[in-house]
Structure formats: C-alpha cells, structure tokens
Full PDB file with SEQRES, HELIX, SHEET, SSBOND, CRYST1, ORIGX, SCALE, CONECT and MASTER records, all heavy atoms in Angstrom:
SEQRES   1 A   37  PRO ILE VAL TYR GLY TYR PRO SER TYR GLU LEU TRP GLU          
SEQRES   2 A   37  GLU GLU GLU LYS GLY ASN LEU LYS LEU GLY GLY CYS LYS          
SEQRES   3 A   37  ILE ASP PRO ASN ASN PRO GLU TRP HIS CYS LYS                  
HELIX    1 AA1 TYR A    9  LYS A   17  1                                   9    
SHEET    1 AA1 2 ILE A   2  VAL A   3  0                                        
SHEET    2 AA1 2 LYS A  21  LEU A  22  1                                        
CRYST1    1.000    1.000    1.000  90.00  90.00  90.00 P 1           1          
ORIGX1      1.000000  0.000000  0.000000        0.00000                         
ORIGX2      0.000000  1.000000  0.000000        0.00000                         
ORIGX3      0.000000  0.000000  1.000000        0.00000                         
SCALE1      1.000000  0.000000  0.000000        0.00000                         
SCALE2      0.000000  1.000000  0.000000        0.00000                         
SCALE3      0.000000  0.000000  1.000000        0.00000                         
ATOM      1  N   PRO A   1       0.825  -1.206   0.000  1.00  0.00           N  
ATOM      2  CA  PRO A   1       0.000   0.000   0.000  1.00  0.00           C  
ATOM      3  C   PRO A   1       0.865   1.264   0.000  1.00  0.00           C  
ATOM      4  O   PRO A   1       2.007   1.251   0.469  1.00  0.00           O  
ATOM      5  CB  PRO A   1      -0.795  -0.105   1.302  1.00  0.00           C  
ATOM      6  CG  PRO A   1       0.066  -0.930   2.194  1.00  0.00           C  
ATOM      7  CD  PRO A   1       0.789  -1.902   1.278  1.00  0.00           C  
ATOM      8  N   ILE A   2       0.308   2.343  -0.529  1.00  0.00           N  
ATOM      9  CA  ILE A   2       0.949   3.653  -0.473  1.00  0.00           C  
ATOM     10  C   ILE A   2       0.221   4.440   0.603  1.00  0.00           C  
ATOM     11  O   ILE A   2      -1.010   4.547   0.584  1.00  0.00           O  
ATOM     12  CB  ILE A   2       0.868   4.379  -1.830  1.00  0.00           C  
ATOM     13  CG1 ILE A   2       1.512   3.540  -2.930  1.00  0.00           C  
ATOM     14  CG2 ILE A   2       1.535   5.757  -1.724  1.00  0.00           C  
ATOM     15  CD1 ILE A   2       1.324   4.097  -4.330  1.00  0.00           C  
ATOM     16  N   VAL A   3       0.978   4.989   1.554  1.00  0.00           N  
ATOM     17  CA  VAL A   3       0.400   5.724   2.678  1.00  0.00           C  
ATOM     18  C   VAL A   3       0.738   7.201   2.521  1.00  0.00           C  
ATOM     19  O   VAL A   3       1.895   7.560   2.293  1.00  0.00           O  
ATOM     20  CB  VAL A   3       0.944   5.184   4.024  1.00  0.00           C  
ATOM     21  CG1 VAL A   3       0.373   5.962   5.187  1.00  0.00           C  
ATOM     22  CG2 VAL A   3       0.637   3.700   4.160  1.00  0.00           C  
ATOM     23  N   TYR A   4      -0.276   8.044   2.669  1.00  0.00           N  
ATOM     24  CA  TYR A   4      -0.111   9.489   2.520  1.00  0.00           C  
ATOM     25  C   TYR A   4      -0.282  10.188   3.859  1.00  0.00           C  
ATOM     26  O   TYR A   4      -0.896   9.665   4.776  1.00  0.00           O  
ATOM     27  CB  TYR A   4      -1.136  10.040   1.518  1.00  0.00           C  
ATOM     28  CG  TYR A   4      -0.918   9.496   0.132  1.00  0.00           C  
ATOM     29  CD1 TYR A   4      -1.559   8.349  -0.300  1.00  0.00           C  
ATOM     30  CD2 TYR A   4      -0.041  10.125  -0.736  1.00  0.00           C  
ATOM     31  CE1 TYR A   4      -1.345   7.844  -1.569  1.00  0.00           C  
ATOM     32  CE2 TYR A   4       0.189   9.623  -2.010  1.00  0.00           C  
ATOM     33  CZ  TYR A   4      -0.471   8.481  -2.413  1.00  0.00           C  
ATOM     34  OH  TYR A   4      -0.244   7.981  -3.663  1.00  0.00           O  
ATOM     35  N   GLY A   5       0.261  11.394   3.947  1.00  0.00           N  
ATOM     36  CA  GLY A   5       0.181  12.185   5.163  1.00  0.00           C  
ATOM     37  C   GLY A   5       1.535  12.245   5.839  1.00  0.00           C  
ATOM     38  O   GLY A   5       2.511  11.633   5.398  1.00  0.00           O  
ATOM     39  N   TYR A   6       1.604  13.002   6.931  1.00  0.00           N  
ATOM     40  CA  TYR A   6       2.853  13.125   7.674  1.00  0.00           C  
ATOM     41  C   TYR A   6       3.128  11.804   8.385  1.00  0.00           C  
ATOM     42  O   TYR A   6       2.347  11.368   9.223  1.00  0.00           O  
ATOM     43  CB  TYR A   6       2.764  14.276   8.672  1.00  0.00           C  
ATOM     44  CG  TYR A   6       4.083  14.590   9.312  1.00  0.00           C  
ATOM     45  CD1 TYR A   6       5.017  15.364   8.647  1.00  0.00           C  
ATOM     46  CD2 TYR A   6       4.401  14.106  10.570  1.00  0.00           C  
ATOM     47  CE1 TYR A   6       6.242  15.654   9.214  1.00  0.00           C  
ATOM     48  CE2 TYR A   6       5.620  14.384  11.155  1.00  0.00           C  
ATOM     49  CZ  TYR A   6       6.532  15.163  10.470  1.00  0.00           C  
ATOM     50  OH  TYR A   6       7.751  15.444  11.042  1.00  0.00           O  
ATOM     51  N   PRO A   7       4.244  11.137   8.069  1.00  0.00           N  
ATOM     52  CA  PRO A   7       4.484   9.790   8.610  1.00  0.00           C  
ATOM     53  C   PRO A   7       5.016   9.781  10.036  1.00  0.00           C  
ATOM     54  O   PRO A   7       5.796  10.647  10.432  1.00  0.00           O  
ATOM     55  CB  PRO A   7       5.530   9.215   7.658  1.00  0.00           C  
ATOM     56  CG  PRO A   7       6.279  10.414   7.179  1.00  0.00           C  
ATOM     57  CD  PRO A   7       5.272  11.530   7.114  1.00  0.00           C  
ATOM     58  N   SER A   8       4.593   8.792  10.780  1.00  0.00           N  
ATOM     59  CA  SER A   8       5.134   8.555  12.115  1.00  0.00           C  
ATOM     60  C   SER A   8       6.451   7.793  11.980  1.00  0.00           C  
ATOM     61  O   SER A   8       6.803   7.310  10.897  1.00  0.00           O  
ATOM     62  CB  SER A   8       4.143   7.722  12.934  1.00  0.00           C  
ATOM     63  OG  SER A   8       4.014   6.428  12.369  1.00  0.00           O  
ATOM     64  N   TYR A   9       7.157   7.664  13.084  1.00  0.00           N  
ATOM     65  CA  TYR A   9       8.406   6.898  13.092  1.00  0.00           C  
ATOM     66  C   TYR A   9       8.141   5.448  12.680  1.00  0.00           C  
ATOM     67  O   TYR A   9       8.923   4.847  11.939  1.00  0.00           O  
ATOM     68  CB  TYR A   9       9.054   6.960  14.480  1.00  0.00           C  
ATOM     69  CG  TYR A   9      10.339   6.185  14.558  1.00  0.00           C  
ATOM     70  CD1 TYR A   9      11.506   6.696  13.988  1.00  0.00           C  
ATOM     71  CD2 TYR A   9      10.389   4.946  15.192  1.00  0.00           C  
ATOM     72  CE1 TYR A   9      12.694   5.985  14.030  1.00  0.00           C  
ATOM     73  CE2 TYR A   9      11.581   4.230  15.249  1.00  0.00           C  
ATOM     74  CZ  TYR A   9      12.724   4.753  14.673  1.00  0.00           C  
ATOM     75  OH  TYR A   9      13.892   4.039  14.721  1.00  0.00           O  
ATOM     76  N   GLU A  10       7.005   4.898  13.152  1.00  0.00           N  
ATOM     77  CA  GLU A  10       6.658   3.516  12.838  1.00  0.00           C  
ATOM     78  C   GLU A  10       6.443   3.330  11.331  1.00  0.00           C  
ATOM     79  O   GLU A  10       6.824   2.311  10.760  1.00  0.00           O  
ATOM     80  CB  GLU A  10       5.406   3.081  13.607  1.00  0.00           C  
ATOM     81  CG  GLU A  10       5.631   2.917  15.097  1.00  0.00           C  
ATOM     82  CD  GLU A  10       5.612   4.234  15.881  1.00  0.00           C  
ATOM     83  OE1 GLU A  10       5.212   5.290  15.311  1.00  0.00           O  
ATOM     84  OE2 GLU A  10       6.014   4.217  17.046  1.00  0.00           O  
ATOM     85  N   LEU A  11       5.833   4.331  10.686  1.00  0.00           N  
ATOM     86  CA  LEU A  11       5.642   4.234   9.236  1.00  0.00           C  
ATOM     87  C   LEU A  11       6.974   4.282   8.501  1.00  0.00           C  
ATOM     88  O   LEU A  11       7.167   3.577   7.507  1.00  0.00           O  
ATOM     89  CB  LEU A  11       4.717   5.341   8.735  1.00  0.00           C  
ATOM     90  CG  LEU A  11       3.241   5.176   9.080  1.00  0.00           C  
ATOM     91  CD1 LEU A  11       2.446   6.388   8.621  1.00  0.00           C  
ATOM     92  CD2 LEU A  11       2.681   3.911   8.456  1.00  0.00           C  
ATOM     93  N   TRP A  12       7.907   5.114   8.969  1.00  0.00           N  
ATOM     94  CA  TRP A  12       9.247   5.145   8.365  1.00  0.00           C  
ATOM     95  C   TRP A  12       9.896   3.757   8.466  1.00  0.00           C  
ATOM     96  O   TRP A  12      10.517   3.275   7.520  1.00  0.00           O  
ATOM     97  CB  TRP A  12      10.145   6.169   9.055  1.00  0.00           C  
ATOM     98  CG  TRP A  12       9.875   7.585   8.683  1.00  0.00           C  
ATOM     99  CD1 TRP A  12       9.252   8.533   9.442  1.00  0.00           C  
ATOM    100  CD2 TRP A  12      10.228   8.238   7.459  1.00  0.00           C  
ATOM    101  NE1 TRP A  12       9.186   9.725   8.760  1.00  0.00           N  
ATOM    102  CE2 TRP A  12       9.780   9.575   7.541  1.00  0.00           C  
ATOM    103  CE3 TRP A  12      10.864   7.816   6.302  1.00  0.00           C  
ATOM    104  CZ2 TRP A  12       9.963  10.494   6.511  1.00  0.00           C  
ATOM    105  CZ3 TRP A  12      11.046   8.733   5.275  1.00  0.00           C  
ATOM    106  CH2 TRP A  12      10.591  10.045   5.388  1.00  0.00           C  
ATOM    107  N   GLU A  13       9.751   3.136   9.630  1.00  0.00           N  
ATOM    108  CA  GLU A  13      10.331   1.805   9.820  1.00  0.00           C  
ATOM    109  C   GLU A  13       9.694   0.781   8.879  1.00  0.00           C  
ATOM    110  O   GLU A  13      10.394  -0.056   8.305  1.00  0.00           O  
ATOM    111  CB  GLU A  13      10.143   1.346  11.266  1.00  0.00           C  
ATOM    112  CG  GLU A  13      11.042   2.049  12.250  1.00  0.00           C  
ATOM    113  CD  GLU A  13      10.838   1.548  13.672  1.00  0.00           C  
ATOM    114  OE1 GLU A  13       9.689   1.241  14.053  1.00  0.00           O  
ATOM    115  OE2 GLU A  13      11.851   1.448  14.387  1.00  0.00           O  
ATOM    116  N   GLU A  14       8.385   0.836   8.731  1.00  0.00           N  
ATOM    117  CA  GLU A  14       7.684  -0.093   7.842  1.00  0.00           C  
ATOM    118  C   GLU A  14       8.099   0.114   6.389  1.00  0.00           C  
ATOM    119  O   GLU A  14       8.212  -0.852   5.637  1.00  0.00           O  
ATOM    120  CB  GLU A  14       6.167   0.035   7.998  1.00  0.00           C  
ATOM    121  CG  GLU A  14       5.639  -0.497   9.315  1.00  0.00           C  
ATOM    122  CD  GLU A  14       5.956  -1.962   9.524  1.00  0.00           C  
ATOM    123  OE1 GLU A  14       5.687  -2.783   8.626  1.00  0.00           O  
ATOM    124  OE2 GLU A  14       6.483  -2.307  10.608  1.00  0.00           O  
ATOM    125  N   GLU A  15       8.344   1.358   5.998  1.00  0.00           N  
ATOM    126  CA  GLU A  15       8.823   1.606   4.642  1.00  0.00           C  
ATOM    127  C   GLU A  15      10.225   1.026   4.461  1.00  0.00           C  
ATOM    128  O   GLU A  15      10.526   0.417   3.434  1.00  0.00           O  
ATOM    129  CB  GLU A  15       8.828   3.092   4.313  1.00  0.00           C  
ATOM    130  CG  GLU A  15       9.260   3.324   2.868  1.00  0.00           C  
ATOM    131  CD  GLU A  15       9.355   4.778   2.467  1.00  0.00           C  
ATOM    132  OE1 GLU A  15       9.989   5.555   3.198  1.00  0.00           O  
ATOM    133  OE2 GLU A  15       8.813   5.110   1.408  1.00  0.00           O  
ATOM    134  N   GLU A  16      11.081   1.191   5.464  1.00  0.00           N  
ATOM    135  CA  GLU A  16      12.433   0.622   5.396  1.00  0.00           C  
ATOM    136  C   GLU A  16      12.399  -0.897   5.254  1.00  0.00           C  
ATOM    137  O   GLU A  16      13.243  -1.473   4.583  1.00  0.00           O  
ATOM    138  CB  GLU A  16      13.237   1.006   6.652  1.00  0.00           C  
ATOM    139  CG  GLU A  16      13.676   2.449   6.681  1.00  0.00           C  
ATOM    140  CD  GLU A  16      14.742   2.753   5.639  1.00  0.00           C  
ATOM    141  OE1 GLU A  16      15.652   1.928   5.454  1.00  0.00           O  
ATOM    142  OE2 GLU A  16      14.636   3.815   5.006  1.00  0.00           O  
ATOM    143  N   LYS A  17      11.415  -1.536   5.873  1.00  0.00           N  
ATOM    144  CA  LYS A  17      11.259  -2.994   5.784  1.00  0.00           C  
ATOM    145  C   LYS A  17      10.647  -3.425   4.451  1.00  0.00           C  
ATOM    146  O   LYS A  17      10.621  -4.604   4.136  1.00  0.00           O  
ATOM    147  CB  LYS A  17      10.367  -3.501   6.920  1.00  0.00           C  
ATOM    148  CG  LYS A  17      10.955  -3.347   8.298  1.00  0.00           C  
ATOM    149  CD  LYS A  17       9.939  -3.797   9.325  1.00  0.00           C  
ATOM    150  CE  LYS A  17      10.371  -3.465  10.735  1.00  0.00           C  
ATOM    151  NZ  LYS A  17       9.322  -3.812  11.720  1.00  0.00           N  
ATOM    152  N   GLY A  18      10.114  -2.462   3.686  1.00  0.00           N  
ATOM    153  CA  GLY A  18       9.491  -2.781   2.413  1.00  0.00           C  
ATOM    154  C   GLY A  18       8.036  -3.170   2.511  1.00  0.00           C  
ATOM    155  O   GLY A  18       7.473  -3.742   1.582  1.00  0.00           O  
ATOM    156  N   ASN A  19       7.400  -2.847   3.646  1.00  0.00           N  
ATOM    157  CA  ASN A  19       6.003  -3.222   3.857  1.00  0.00           C  
ATOM    158  C   ASN A  19       5.007  -2.205   3.325  1.00  0.00           C  
ATOM    159  O   ASN A  19       3.815  -2.500   3.218  1.00  0.00           O  
ATOM    160  CB  ASN A  19       5.737  -3.450   5.343  1.00  0.00           C  
ATOM    161  CG  ASN A  19       6.516  -4.616   5.876  1.00  0.00           C  
ATOM    162  OD1 ASN A  19       6.821  -5.556   5.152  1.00  0.00           O  
ATOM    163  ND2 ASN A  19       6.868  -4.556   7.146  1.00  0.00           N  
ATOM    164  N   LEU A  20       5.466  -0.995   3.032  1.00  0.00           N  
ATOM    165  CA  LEU A  20       4.616   0.043   2.482  1.00  0.00           C  
ATOM    166  C   LEU A  20       5.480   1.093   1.816  1.00  0.00           C  
ATOM    167  O   LEU A  20       6.693   1.093   1.967  1.00  0.00           O  
ATOM    168  CB  LEU A  20       3.728   0.688   3.565  1.00  0.00           C  
ATOM    169  CG  LEU A  20       4.417   1.368   4.758  1.00  0.00           C  
ATOM    170  CD1 LEU A  20       4.777   2.808   4.461  1.00  0.00           C  
ATOM    171  CD2 LEU A  20       3.479   1.326   5.946  1.00  0.00           C  
ATOM    172  N   LYS A  21       4.832   1.982   1.062  1.00  0.00           N  
ATOM    173  CA  LYS A  21       5.536   3.088   0.420  1.00  0.00           C  
ATOM    174  C   LYS A  21       4.928   4.380   0.920  1.00  0.00           C  
ATOM    175  O   LYS A  21       3.703   4.520   0.971  1.00  0.00           O  
ATOM    176  CB  LYS A  21       5.406   3.004  -1.103  1.00  0.00           C  
ATOM    177  CG  LYS A  21       6.106   4.151  -1.797  1.00  0.00           C  
ATOM    178  CD  LYS A  21       5.995   4.055  -3.292  1.00  0.00           C  
ATOM    179  CE  LYS A  21       6.701   5.277  -3.887  1.00  0.00           C  
ATOM    180  NZ  LYS A  21       6.516   5.370  -5.314  1.00  0.00           N  
ATOM    181  N   LEU A  22       5.769   5.320   1.320  1.00  0.00           N  
ATOM    182  CA  LEU A  22       5.285   6.623   1.738  1.00  0.00           C  
ATOM    183  C   LEU A  22       5.045   7.462   0.489  1.00  0.00           C  
ATOM    184  O   LEU A  22       5.917   7.600  -0.357  1.00  0.00           O  
ATOM    185  CB  LEU A  22       6.291   7.305   2.671  1.00  0.00           C  
ATOM    186  CG  LEU A  22       6.505   6.594   4.007  1.00  0.00           C  
ATOM    187  CD1 LEU A  22       7.604   7.281   4.794  1.00  0.00           C  
ATOM    188  CD2 LEU A  22       5.211   6.563   4.813  1.00  0.00           C  
ATOM    189  N   GLY A  23       3.842   8.023   0.392  1.00  0.00           N  
ATOM    190  CA  GLY A  23       3.444   8.747  -0.807  1.00  0.00           C  
ATOM    191  C   GLY A  23       3.543  10.253  -0.706  1.00  0.00           C  
ATOM    192  O   GLY A  23       3.227  10.955  -1.653  1.00  0.00           O  
ATOM    193  N   GLY A  24       3.963  10.766   0.446  1.00  0.00           N  
ATOM    194  CA  GLY A  24       4.082  12.206   0.612  1.00  0.00           C  
ATOM    195  C   GLY A  24       2.916  12.778   1.402  1.00  0.00           C  
ATOM    196  O   GLY A  24       1.982  12.084   1.782  1.00  0.00           O  
ATOM    197  N   CYS A  25       2.978  14.071   1.619  1.00  0.00           N  
ATOM    198  CA  CYS A  25       1.992  14.734   2.467  1.00  0.00           C  
ATOM    199  C   CYS A  25       0.775  15.242   1.709  1.00  0.00           C  
ATOM    200  O   CYS A  25      -0.224  15.591   2.307  1.00  0.00           O  
ATOM    201  CB  CYS A  25       2.641  15.891   3.221  1.00  0.00           C  
ATOM    202  SG  CYS A  25       3.863  15.331   4.424  1.00  0.00           S  
ATOM    203  N   LYS A  26       0.863  15.325   0.389  1.00  0.00           N  
ATOM    204  CA  LYS A  26      -0.264  15.821  -0.394  1.00  0.00           C  
ATOM    205  C   LYS A  26      -1.300  14.714  -0.549  1.00  0.00           C  
ATOM    206  O   LYS A  26      -1.079  13.717  -1.231  1.00  0.00           O  
ATOM    207  CB  LYS A  26       0.189  16.302  -1.763  1.00  0.00           C  
ATOM    208  CG  LYS A  26      -0.932  16.890  -2.565  1.00  0.00           C  
ATOM    209  CD  LYS A  26      -0.458  17.383  -3.912  1.00  0.00           C  
ATOM    210  CE  LYS A  26      -1.662  17.907  -4.693  1.00  0.00           C  
ATOM    211  NZ  LYS A  26      -1.343  18.138  -6.083  1.00  0.00           N  
ATOM    212  N   ILE A  27      -2.438  14.914   0.098  1.00  0.00           N  
ATOM    213  CA  ILE A  27      -3.503  13.921   0.045  1.00  0.00           C  
ATOM    214  C   ILE A  27      -4.516  14.368  -0.991  1.00  0.00           C  
ATOM    215  O   ILE A  27      -5.085  15.444  -0.903  1.00  0.00           O  
ATOM    216  CB  ILE A  27      -4.158  13.752   1.430  1.00  0.00           C  
ATOM    217  CG1 ILE A  27      -3.102  13.305   2.441  1.00  0.00           C  
ATOM    218  CG2 ILE A  27      -5.309  12.771   1.360  1.00  0.00           C  
ATOM    219  CD1 ILE A  27      -3.565  13.294   3.869  1.00  0.00           C  
ATOM    220  N   ASP A  28      -4.711  13.538  -2.011  1.00  0.00           N  
ATOM    221  CA  ASP A  28      -5.603  13.842  -3.113  1.00  0.00           C  
ATOM    222  C   ASP A  28      -6.421  12.589  -3.408  1.00  0.00           C  
ATOM    223  O   ASP A  28      -5.870  11.482  -3.377  1.00  0.00           O  
ATOM    224  CB  ASP A  28      -4.767  14.243  -4.332  1.00  0.00           C  
ATOM    225  CG  ASP A  28      -5.595  14.667  -5.506  1.00  0.00           C  
ATOM    226  OD1 ASP A  28      -6.239  13.791  -6.128  1.00  0.00           O  
ATOM    227  OD2 ASP A  28      -5.602  15.862  -5.824  1.00  0.00           O  
ATOM    228  N   PRO A  29      -7.702  12.715  -3.702  1.00  0.00           N  
ATOM    229  CA  PRO A  29      -8.503  11.518  -3.964  1.00  0.00           C  
ATOM    230  C   PRO A  29      -8.053  10.731  -5.197  1.00  0.00           C  
ATOM    231  O   PRO A  29      -8.412   9.573  -5.354  1.00  0.00           O  
ATOM    232  CB  PRO A  29      -9.927  12.052  -4.152  1.00  0.00           C  
ATOM    233  CG  PRO A  29      -9.803  13.512  -4.328  1.00  0.00           C  
ATOM    234  CD  PRO A  29      -8.496  13.936  -3.743  1.00  0.00           C  
ATOM    235  N   ASN A  30      -7.241  11.335  -6.045  1.00  0.00           N  
ATOM    236  CA  ASN A  30      -6.755  10.637  -7.236  1.00  0.00           C  
ATOM    237  C   ASN A  30      -5.384   9.993  -7.054  1.00  0.00           C  
ATOM    238  O   ASN A  30      -4.843   9.414  -7.993  1.00  0.00           O  
ATOM    239  CB  ASN A  30      -6.711  11.609  -8.423  1.00  0.00           C  
ATOM    240  CG  ASN A  30      -8.087  12.089  -8.789  1.00  0.00           C  
ATOM    241  OD1 ASN A  30      -9.038  11.320  -8.832  1.00  0.00           O  
ATOM    242  ND2 ASN A  30      -8.214  13.377  -9.031  1.00  0.00           N  
ATOM    243  N   ASN A  31      -4.808  10.094  -5.859  1.00  0.00           N  
ATOM    244  CA  ASN A  31      -3.513   9.471  -5.590  1.00  0.00           C  
ATOM    245  C   ASN A  31      -3.606   7.950  -5.753  1.00  0.00           C  
ATOM    246  O   ASN A  31      -4.620   7.354  -5.383  1.00  0.00           O  
ATOM    247  CB  ASN A  31      -3.049   9.767  -4.166  1.00  0.00           C  
ATOM    248  CG  ASN A  31      -2.531  11.167  -3.989  1.00  0.00           C  
ATOM    249  OD1 ASN A  31      -2.251  11.865  -4.943  1.00  0.00           O  
ATOM    250  ND2 ASN A  31      -2.414  11.587  -2.747  1.00  0.00           N  
ATOM    251  N   PRO A  32      -2.543   7.329  -6.253  1.00  0.00           N  
ATOM    252  CA  PRO A  32      -2.552   5.859  -6.317  1.00  0.00           C  
ATOM    253  C   PRO A  32      -2.529   5.264  -4.914  1.00  0.00           C  
ATOM    254  O   PRO A  32      -2.010   5.863  -3.975  1.00  0.00           O  
ATOM    255  CB  PRO A  32      -1.273   5.526  -7.083  1.00  0.00           C  
ATOM    256  CG  PRO A  32      -0.409   6.718  -6.975  1.00  0.00           C  
ATOM    257  CD  PRO A  32      -1.304   7.899  -6.790  1.00  0.00           C  
ATOM    258  N   GLU A  33      -3.125   4.083  -4.775  1.00  0.00           N  
ATOM    259  CA  GLU A  33      -3.212   3.398  -3.485  1.00  0.00           C  
ATOM    260  C   GLU A  33      -2.237   2.238  -3.345  1.00  0.00           C  
ATOM    261  O   GLU A  33      -1.954   1.804  -2.243  1.00  0.00           O  
ATOM    262  CB  GLU A  33      -4.624   2.838  -3.283  1.00  0.00           C  
ATOM    263  CG  GLU A  33      -5.703   3.872  -3.271  1.00  0.00           C  
ATOM    264  CD  GLU A  33      -7.081   3.258  -3.190  1.00  0.00           C  
ATOM    265  OE1 GLU A  33      -7.367   2.310  -3.962  1.00  0.00           O  
ATOM    266  OE2 GLU A  33      -7.869   3.721  -2.363  1.00  0.00           O  
ATOM    267  N   TRP A  34      -1.766   1.715  -4.470  1.00  0.00           N  
ATOM    268  CA  TRP A  34      -0.937   0.507  -4.460  1.00  0.00           C  
ATOM    269  C   TRP A  34       0.318   0.699  -5.290  1.00  0.00           C  
ATOM    270  O   TRP A  34       0.315   1.416  -6.279  1.00  0.00           O  
ATOM    271  CB  TRP A  34      -1.729  -0.682  -5.000  1.00  0.00           C  
ATOM    272  CG  TRP A  34      -2.943  -0.966  -4.188  1.00  0.00           C  
ATOM    273  CD1 TRP A  34      -4.230  -0.603  -4.476  1.00  0.00           C  
ATOM    274  CD2 TRP A  34      -3.005  -1.642  -2.934  1.00  0.00           C  
ATOM    275  NE1 TRP A  34      -5.072  -1.020  -3.488  1.00  0.00           N  
ATOM    276  CE2 TRP A  34      -4.346  -1.660  -2.524  1.00  0.00           C  
ATOM    277  CE3 TRP A  34      -2.049  -2.236  -2.113  1.00  0.00           C  
ATOM    278  CZ2 TRP A  34      -4.756  -2.249  -1.329  1.00  0.00           C  
ATOM    279  CZ3 TRP A  34      -2.464  -2.820  -0.933  1.00  0.00           C  
ATOM    280  CH2 TRP A  34      -3.798  -2.823  -0.556  1.00  0.00           C  
ATOM    281  N   HIS A  35       1.392   0.008  -4.887  1.00  0.00           N  
ATOM    282  CA  HIS A  35       2.696   0.072  -5.560  1.00  0.00           C  
ATOM    283  C   HIS A  35       3.194  -1.357  -5.759  1.00  0.00           C  
ATOM    284  O   HIS A  35       3.253  -2.146  -4.811  1.00  0.00           O  
ATOM    285  CB  HIS A  35       3.686   0.854  -4.694  1.00  0.00           C  
ATOM    286  CG  HIS A  35       5.082   0.821  -5.208  1.00  0.00           C  
ATOM    287  ND1 HIS A  35       5.529   1.670  -6.179  1.00  0.00           N  
ATOM    288  CD2 HIS A  35       6.131   0.025  -4.875  1.00  0.00           C  
ATOM    289  CE1 HIS A  35       6.803   1.414  -6.425  1.00  0.00           C  
ATOM    290  NE2 HIS A  35       7.182   0.414  -5.650  1.00  0.00           N  
ATOM    291  N   CYS A  36       3.561  -1.684  -6.990  1.00  0.00           N  
ATOM    292  CA  CYS A  36       4.122  -3.002  -7.296  1.00  0.00           C  
ATOM    293  C   CYS A  36       5.632  -2.941  -7.097  1.00  0.00           C  
ATOM    294  O   CYS A  36       6.313  -2.106  -7.696  1.00  0.00           O  
ATOM    295  CB  CYS A  36       3.795  -3.399  -8.729  1.00  0.00           C  
ATOM    296  SG  CYS A  36       4.543  -4.977  -9.200  1.00  0.00           S  
ATOM    297  N   LYS A  37       6.152  -3.822  -6.270  1.00  0.00           N  
ATOM    298  CA  LYS A  37       7.585  -3.847  -5.995  1.00  0.00           C  
ATOM    299  C   LYS A  37       8.386  -4.425  -7.160  1.00  0.00           C  
ATOM    300  O   LYS A  37       9.582  -4.191  -7.258  1.00  0.00           O  
ATOM    301  CB  LYS A  37       7.853  -4.642  -4.719  1.00  0.00           C  
ATOM    302  CG  LYS A  37       7.308  -3.942  -3.474  1.00  0.00           C  
ATOM    303  CD  LYS A  37       7.357  -4.813  -2.238  1.00  0.00           C  
ATOM    304  CE  LYS A  37       8.737  -4.907  -1.691  1.00  0.00           C  
ATOM    305  NZ  LYS A  37       8.792  -5.619  -0.393  1.00  0.00           N  
TER     306      LYS A  37                                                      
MASTER        0    0    0    1    2    0    0    6  305    1    0    3          
END                                                                             
C-alpha cells in the first residue's frame, strides 16, 4: 500500500522494511493506493 500524510516513526520503519511506500503529504482523492515492488 501507499500511505499518505505526515508519517510517524513507525511508518518510516515499515517503509524501510518494504512493507509500504510513503506517498508524501499531499492527500488527493486521485492518488494511487498501491505500488508493485
């Protein structure tokens, strides 16, 4: 999943593990929700 908004420390850790992708702080209804590794 792609997660938007200001990330917590836990979200940074999950991104480092490859469990999610941080999408940035701009939240838009047209933002993609999924990322293929």
